[in-house]
Amino acid sequence: MTAELPNFFQSDWWLVVSLAVVVSYILLRLMMGKKDPLDKPSGHATLAQQRSVDKQTQNVLEELAELARQISNQLDTRAARLELLIKQADEKIAQLKGLPVGKAAAQDQPSPPAQADARYVEIYRLSDSGQSTVQIAQQLNRPQGEIELILALRPRT
C-alpha cells in the first residue's frame, strides 16, 4: 500500500511556491520595521531633558553666586577689622614713642582681662558660656568673621 502523492508535490512547483512564501515572509518582516532589541537609542536628548539640565545648571550658578557673595562679605568684614587693628597699633606706637623709656617698658606689659575693651566683654562672656561664633554673631547681629577675629585676638591670661 503505497499512497500516491498528488501531482503538485511530484513536480518542482512546490519548491517554487515554498521559496516564494519564505521570501514574502522576509520582505514583510523588513517592511514592518522590526528593530533589533540590542540596537542603541539615538544620542539626542529630548527637549524636557535639555530643559532639566539647563535648570540644574542655572541652580548651580545661583548657588555659586551666593557663595561668592558670602565669601566677599566675610572678606570685607575681616579687612575692615584688620584696618581698625592697624590703626590702633599705629596709635599705640605713637603713644610709646612719646613716653620716656621706663614707662614704655611698663606699657608693653599685657593688660589684665578686667581692663579688656568694653566693646568685647559681651562677646567674651558668650564665648565663655560655650556658645559658638555663629550663635554669638546671630545674637549680637554682627558678622561671624568679626566675632572670630575678636576671639582670636583675645588677650590670654
Protein backbone atom coordinates (compact mmCIF):
# COMPACT_ATOMS: atom_id res chain seq x y z
CA MET A 1 0.00 0.00 0.00
CA THR A 2 1.78 2.91 -1.17
CA ALA A 3 -0.06 6.13 -1.22
CA GLU A 4 0.45 8.26 -4.19
CA LEU A 5 1.33 11.88 -3.75
CA PRO A 6 -0.61 14.44 -5.69
CA ASN A 7 0.93 15.70 -8.89
CA PHE A 8 1.72 19.01 -7.27
CA PHE A 9 4.31 17.51 -4.91
CA GLN A 10 5.78 15.42 -7.61
CA SER A 11 6.68 18.44 -9.71
CA ASP A 12 9.12 21.21 -8.93
CA TRP A 13 6.32 23.74 -8.35
CA TRP A 14 6.09 23.03 -4.69
CA LEU A 15 9.71 24.16 -4.35
CA VAL A 16 8.99 27.43 -6.18
CA VAL A 17 5.89 28.15 -4.09
CA SER A 18 7.61 27.43 -0.78
CA LEU A 19 10.55 29.65 -1.82
CA ALA A 20 8.10 32.47 -2.68
CA VAL A 21 6.45 32.14 0.75
CA VAL A 22 9.80 32.37 2.55
CA VAL A 23 10.87 35.42 0.51
CA SER A 24 7.49 37.07 1.17
CA TYR A 25 7.86 36.47 4.91
CA ILE A 26 11.35 38.00 4.95
CA LEU A 27 10.22 41.05 2.96
CA LEU A 28 7.24 41.60 5.28
CA ARG A 29 9.47 41.48 8.36
CA LEU A 30 11.82 44.01 6.83
CA MET A 31 8.96 46.30 5.81
CA MET A 32 7.33 46.14 9.25
CA GLY A 33 10.49 47.69 10.60
CA LYS A 34 11.07 45.32 13.45
CA LYS A 35 14.03 46.77 15.32
CA ASP A 36 16.89 44.92 16.84
CA PRO A 37 16.42 44.89 20.63
CA LEU A 38 20.16 45.41 21.08
CA ASP A 39 20.14 48.49 18.89
CA LYS A 40 21.10 51.58 20.96
CA PRO A 41 18.73 54.55 21.07
CA SER A 42 19.80 57.72 19.36
CA GLY A 43 22.04 60.11 21.27
CA HIS A 44 19.64 63.04 21.01
CA ALA A 45 18.14 64.26 24.28
CA THR A 46 14.53 65.23 24.46
CA LEU A 47 13.51 68.82 24.98
CA ALA A 48 12.39 68.06 28.53
CA GLN A 49 15.80 66.56 29.35
CA GLN A 50 17.56 69.60 27.91
CA ARG A 51 15.38 71.94 29.99
CA SER A 52 16.09 69.88 33.09
CA VAL A 53 19.84 70.12 32.51
CA ASP A 54 19.53 73.87 31.88
CA LYS A 55 17.59 74.32 35.12
CA GLN A 56 20.13 72.33 37.11
CA THR A 57 22.96 74.37 35.61
CA GLN A 58 21.15 77.60 36.49
CA ASN A 59 20.66 76.40 40.09
CA VAL A 60 24.36 75.58 40.42
CA LEU A 61 25.30 79.01 39.07
CA GLU A 62 22.95 80.72 41.54
CA GLU A 63 24.43 78.74 44.43
CA LEU A 64 27.95 79.71 43.33
CA ALA A 65 26.97 83.38 43.11
CA GLU A 66 25.50 83.25 46.63
CA LEU A 67 28.64 81.56 47.94
CA ALA A 68 30.79 84.23 46.28
CA ARG A 69 28.68 86.96 47.94
CA GLN A 70 29.08 85.34 51.36
CA ILE A 71 32.84 85.00 50.96
CA SER A 72 33.08 88.59 49.76
CA ASN A 73 31.14 89.81 52.81
CA GLN A 74 33.38 87.85 55.15
CA LEU A 75 36.50 89.22 53.49
CA ASP A 76 35.15 92.77 53.71
CA THR A 77 34.41 92.32 57.42
CA ARG A 78 37.84 90.93 58.11
CA ALA A 79 39.54 93.64 56.06
CA ALA A 80 37.67 96.35 57.98
CA ARG A 81 38.65 94.75 61.28
CA LEU A 82 42.29 94.49 60.23
CA GLU A 83 42.29 98.16 59.23
CA LEU A 84 40.93 99.04 62.68
CA LEU A 85 43.60 96.93 64.37
CA ILE A 86 46.33 98.53 62.27
CA LYS A 87 45.03 101.97 63.22
CA GLN A 88 45.01 101.00 66.92
CA ALA A 89 48.53 99.61 66.61
CA ASP A 90 49.72 102.82 64.95
CA GLU A 91 48.18 104.86 67.79
CA LYS A 92 49.90 102.71 70.40
CA ILE A 93 53.21 103.03 68.58
CA ALA A 94 52.78 106.80 68.53
CA GLN A 95 51.99 106.76 72.27
CA LEU A 96 55.03 104.63 73.04
CA LYS A 97 57.33 106.88 71.03
CA GLY A 98 56.21 109.83 73.15
CA LEU A 99 56.80 108.11 76.51
CA PRO A 100 60.07 108.02 78.39
CA VAL A 101 61.99 104.74 78.17
CA GLY A 102 61.00 103.41 81.62
CA LYS A 103 57.31 103.99 81.06
CA ALA A 104 57.41 102.40 77.60
CA ALA A 105 58.62 99.11 79.09
CA ALA A 106 55.75 99.14 81.59
CA GLN A 107 53.34 99.92 78.77
CA ASP A 108 54.41 96.75 76.89
CA GLN A 109 53.01 94.52 79.63
CA PRO A 110 49.69 92.94 78.58
CA SER A 111 46.66 94.43 80.22
CA PRO A 112 44.69 92.18 82.55
CA PRO A 113 41.36 90.78 81.31
CA ALA A 114 39.48 93.06 83.71
CA GLN A 115 40.60 96.01 81.59
CA ALA A 116 39.54 94.36 78.32
CA ASP A 117 37.88 96.56 75.75
CA ALA A 118 34.28 97.17 76.84
CA ARG A 119 33.04 96.51 73.31
CA TYR A 120 34.21 92.91 73.50
CA VAL A 121 33.10 91.99 77.04
CA GLU A 122 29.76 90.62 75.83
CA ILE A 123 31.47 88.54 73.11
CA TYR A 124 33.93 87.12 75.66
CA ARG A 125 31.11 86.33 78.09
CA LEU A 126 29.05 84.49 75.44
CA SER A 127 32.11 82.57 74.27
CA ASP A 128 32.98 81.57 77.82
CA SER A 129 29.42 80.28 78.27
CA GLY A 130 30.07 77.81 75.44
CA GLN A 131 28.28 79.48 72.52
CA SER A 132 29.74 79.12 69.02
CA THR A 133 30.84 82.06 66.90
CA VAL A 134 27.79 81.59 64.67
CA GLN A 135 25.45 81.80 67.66
CA ILE A 136 27.24 84.86 69.06
CA ALA A 137 27.15 86.60 65.67
CA GLN A 138 23.43 85.98 65.32
CA GLN A 139 22.66 87.05 68.88
CA LEU A 140 24.67 90.29 68.65
CA ASN A 141 23.78 90.91 64.99
CA ARG A 142 27.43 91.17 63.99
CA PRO A 143 29.36 89.40 61.21
CA GLN A 144 30.71 85.98 62.09
CA GLY A 145 34.18 86.90 60.79
CA GLU A 146 34.36 89.83 63.18
CA ILE A 147 33.43 87.61 66.15
CA GLU A 148 36.08 85.04 65.12
CA LEU A 149 38.72 87.74 64.85
CA ILE A 150 37.86 89.31 68.22
CA LEU A 151 38.07 85.92 69.90
CA ALA A 152 41.31 85.05 68.10
CA LEU A 153 42.92 88.31 69.29
CA ARG A 154 41.57 87.98 72.84
CA PRO A 155 44.26 88.60 75.44
CA ARG A 156 45.43 85.42 77.17
CA THR A 157 45.78 85.27 80.92
